[in-house]
C-alpha atoms as a PDB file:
ATOM      1  CA  MET A   1      13.820  -4.616   8.870  1.00  0.00           C
ATOM      2  CA  THR A   2      10.659  -6.617   8.629  1.00  0.00           C
ATOM      3  CA  PRO A   3       9.286  -8.825   6.034  1.00  0.00           C
ATOM      4  CA  LEU A   4       6.707  -7.570   3.986  1.00  0.00           C
ATOM      5  CA  ARG A   5       4.119  -9.806   2.308  1.00  0.00           C
ATOM      6  CA  TRP A   6       1.773  -8.714  -0.917  1.00  0.00           C
ATOM      7  CA  HIS A   7      -1.219  -9.796  -0.699  1.00  0.00           C
ATOM      8  CA  PRO A   8      -2.365 -11.286  -4.760  1.00  0.00           C
ATOM      9  CA  ASP A   9      -4.144  -8.071  -5.369  1.00  0.00           C
ATOM     10  CA  THR A  10      -1.815  -5.984  -5.205  1.00  0.00           C
ATOM     11  CA  LYS A  11       0.086  -6.838  -7.750  1.00  0.00           C
ATOM     12  CA  GLU A  12      -2.439  -6.357 -10.369  1.00  0.00           C
ATOM     13  CA  GLU A  13      -3.777  -3.103  -8.773  1.00  0.00           C
ATOM     14  CA  ILE A  14       0.139  -1.594  -9.246  1.00  0.00           C
ATOM     15  CA  THR A  15       0.443  -2.879 -13.107  1.00  0.00           C
ATOM     16  CA  GLU A  16      -3.184  -1.328 -13.642  1.00  0.00           C
ATOM     17  CA  ALA A  17      -1.951   2.303 -11.785  1.00  0.00           C
ATOM     18  CA  ALA A  18       1.437   1.976 -13.956  1.00  0.00           C
ATOM     19  CA  ALA A  19      -0.255   1.212 -17.190  1.00  0.00           C
ATOM     20  CA  TRP A  20      -2.517   4.060 -16.371  1.00  0.00           C
ATOM     21  CA  TYR A  21      -0.045   6.697 -15.406  1.00  0.00           C
ATOM     22  CA  ALA A  22       2.458   5.077 -18.313  1.00  0.00           C
ATOM     23  CA  ALA A  23       0.114   6.071 -20.925  1.00  0.00           C
ATOM     24  CA  LYS A  24      -0.259   9.477 -19.517  1.00  0.00           C
ATOM     25  CA  ARG A  25       3.086  10.988 -19.716  1.00  0.00           C
ATOM     26  CA  GLU A  26       6.423   8.562 -20.791  1.00  0.00           C
ATOM     27  CA  GLY A  27       8.230   7.799 -17.691  1.00  0.00           C
ATOM     28  CA  LEU A  28       4.903   7.929 -14.888  1.00  0.00           C
ATOM     29  CA  GLY A  29       4.241   4.345 -14.707  1.00  0.00           C
ATOM     30  CA  ALA A  30       7.840   3.756 -13.418  1.00  0.00           C
ATOM     31  CA  ALA A  31       8.008   6.608 -11.150  1.00  0.00           C
ATOM     32  CA  PHE A  32       4.860   5.071  -9.642  1.00  0.00           C
ATOM     33  CA  VAL A  33       6.526   1.901  -9.505  1.00  0.00           C
ATOM     34  CA  ASP A  34       9.376   3.286  -7.413  1.00  0.00           C
ATOM     35  CA  ALA A  35       7.324   5.672  -5.177  1.00  0.00           C
ATOM     36  CA  VAL A  36       5.280   2.184  -4.194  1.00  0.00           C
ATOM     37  CA  GLN A  37       8.572   0.054  -3.937  1.00  0.00           C
ATOM     38  CA  ALA A  38       9.851   3.242  -1.448  1.00  0.00           C
ATOM     39  CA  ALA A  39       6.668   3.263   0.568  1.00  0.00           C
ATOM     40  CA  ALA A  40       6.992  -0.203   1.237  1.00  0.00           C
ATOM     41  CA  HIS A  41      10.994   0.081   2.244  1.00  0.00           C
ATOM     42  CA  ALA A  42       9.237   2.860   4.750  1.00  0.00           C
ATOM     43  CA  ILE A  43       7.200   0.693   6.200  1.00  0.00           C
ATOM     44  CA  SER A  44       9.178  -2.794   6.462  1.00  0.00           C
ATOM     45  CA  VAL A  45      12.044   0.041   8.492  1.00  0.00           C
ATOM     46  CA  ASN A  46       9.469   0.792  10.819  1.00  0.00           C
ATOM     47  CA  PRO A  47       5.967  -0.695  10.412  1.00  0.00           C
ATOM     48  CA  LEU A  48       4.808   1.375  13.259  1.00  0.00           C
ATOM     49  CA  ARG A  49       5.300   4.971  11.823  1.00  0.00           C
ATOM     50  CA  PHE A  50       2.525   5.336   9.764  1.00  0.00           C
ATOM     51  CA  SER A  51      -1.237   6.232  10.881  1.00  0.00           C
ATOM     52  CA  PRO A  52      -3.580   3.420  11.664  1.00  0.00           C
ATOM     53  CA  LEU A  53      -6.936   3.469   9.927  1.00  0.00           C
ATOM     54  CA  GLY A  54     -10.276   3.427  11.963  1.00  0.00           C
ATOM     55  CA  HIS A  55     -10.288   2.408  15.791  1.00  0.00           C
ATOM     56  CA  ALA A  56      -9.827  -1.181  15.837  1.00  0.00           C
ATOM     57  CA  PRO A  57      -7.639  -2.370  18.730  1.00  0.00           C
ATOM     58  CA  PRO A  58      -3.969  -1.124  18.309  1.00  0.00           C
ATOM     59  CA  ASP A  59      -3.333  -5.290  17.167  1.00  0.00           C
ATOM     60  CA  ALA A  60      -5.714  -5.406  14.409  1.00  0.00           C
ATOM     61  CA  GLN A  61      -5.721  -2.155  13.030  1.00  0.00           C
ATOM     62  CA  PRO A  62      -4.552  -1.311   9.466  1.00  0.00           C
ATOM     63  CA  ARG A  63      -2.656   1.041   8.596  1.00  0.00           C
ATOM     64  CA  ARG A  64      -1.875   3.584   5.413  1.00  0.00           C
ATOM     65  CA  ALA A  65       1.274   5.035   3.933  1.00  0.00           C
ATOM     66  CA  LEU A  66       1.108   7.586   1.409  1.00  0.00           C
ATOM     67  CA  VAL A  67       2.785   6.933  -2.110  1.00  0.00           C
ATOM     68  CA  SER A  68       4.682   9.758  -2.264  1.00  0.00           C
ATOM     69  CA  GLY A  69       3.591  11.756  -5.472  1.00  0.00           C
ATOM     70  CA  PHE A  70       0.415  10.174  -6.504  1.00  0.00           C
ATOM     71  CA  PRO A  71      -2.905   9.831  -4.847  1.00  0.00           C
ATOM     72  CA  TYR A  72      -2.214   6.247  -4.104  1.00  0.00           C
ATOM     73  CA  LEU A  73      -2.018   4.705  -0.695  1.00  0.00           C
ATOM     74  CA  VAL A  74      -0.114   1.394   0.941  1.00  0.00           C
ATOM     75  CA  ILE A  75      -2.625  -0.110   3.193  1.00  0.00           C
ATOM     76  CA  TYR A  76      -0.840  -2.740   5.704  1.00  0.00           C
ATOM     77  CA  GLU A  77      -1.369  -4.815   8.908  1.00  0.00           C
ATOM     78  CA  VAL A  78       1.904  -5.634  10.899  1.00  0.00           C
ATOM     79  CA  ARG A  79       1.407  -8.844  11.841  1.00  0.00           C
ATOM     80  CA  THR A  80       3.850 -11.193  14.214  1.00  0.00           C
ATOM     81  CA  ASP A  81       6.410 -11.923  11.649  1.00  0.00           C
ATOM     82  CA  HIS A  82       5.831 -10.001   9.051  1.00  0.00           C
ATOM     83  CA  VAL A  83       3.303  -7.044   7.197  1.00  0.00           C
ATOM     84  CA  LEU A  84       1.137  -7.840   5.139  1.00  0.00           C
ATOM     85  CA  ILE A  85       0.633  -5.158   2.620  1.00  0.00           C
ATOM     86  CA  VAL A  86      -3.710  -5.433   1.826  1.00  0.00           C
ATOM     87  CA  ALA A  87      -3.566  -3.209  -0.807  1.00  0.00           C
ATOM     88  CA  VAL A  88      -1.901  -0.301  -2.723  1.00  0.00           C
ATOM     89  CA  ALA A  89      -5.290   1.941  -3.191  1.00  0.00           C
ATOM     90  CA  HIS A  90      -6.433   5.298  -4.544  1.00  0.00           C
ATOM     91  CA  GLU A  91      -7.006   7.536  -2.006  1.00  0.00           C
ATOM     92  CA  ARG A  92     -10.674   8.169  -3.218  1.00  0.00           C
ATOM     93  CA  ARG A  93     -11.769   5.103  -5.430  1.00  0.00           C
ATOM     94  CA  ARG A  94     -13.761   2.825  -3.823  1.00  0.00           C
ATOM     95  CA  PRO A  95     -12.915   3.375  -0.367  1.00  0.00           C
ATOM     96  CA  GLY A  96     -12.653   0.157   1.800  1.00  0.00           C
ATOM     97  CA  TYR A  97     -12.747  -2.065  -0.848  1.00  0.00           C
ATOM     98  CA  TRP A  98      -9.434  -4.230   0.750  1.00  0.00           C
ATOM     99  CA  ALA A  99     -11.021  -4.678   3.907  1.00  0.00           C
ATOM    100  CA  ARG A 100     -12.579  -7.932   2.724  1.00  0.00           C
ATOM    101  CA  ARG A 101      -8.961  -8.878   2.122  1.00  0.00           C
ATOM    102  CA  ARG A 102      -8.451  -8.896   5.683  1.00  0.00           C
ATOM    103  CA  VAL A 103      -7.741 -12.256   7.377  1.00  0.00           C
END
């Protein structure tokens, strides 16, 4: 498994989305967190499994994994010795906002 590192802003994204879902239905916030963790685990197991975003060179392409059951994506980059989770982003809100986080 490839080690994961999370951009500091991802914690807030997950917390805010989970709180929104929890307010809609009991247990839904926890289900969202579980789905994000499942996507992150799948990324860790096989980082190249998921689709690249855009047309950058393969070594610089951000990738996306769907969060099962929710309209969210886990945006990440494969680095030499780890995977950087750049964002946990809604599929339709603020497209590309996370691009400024890429280093």
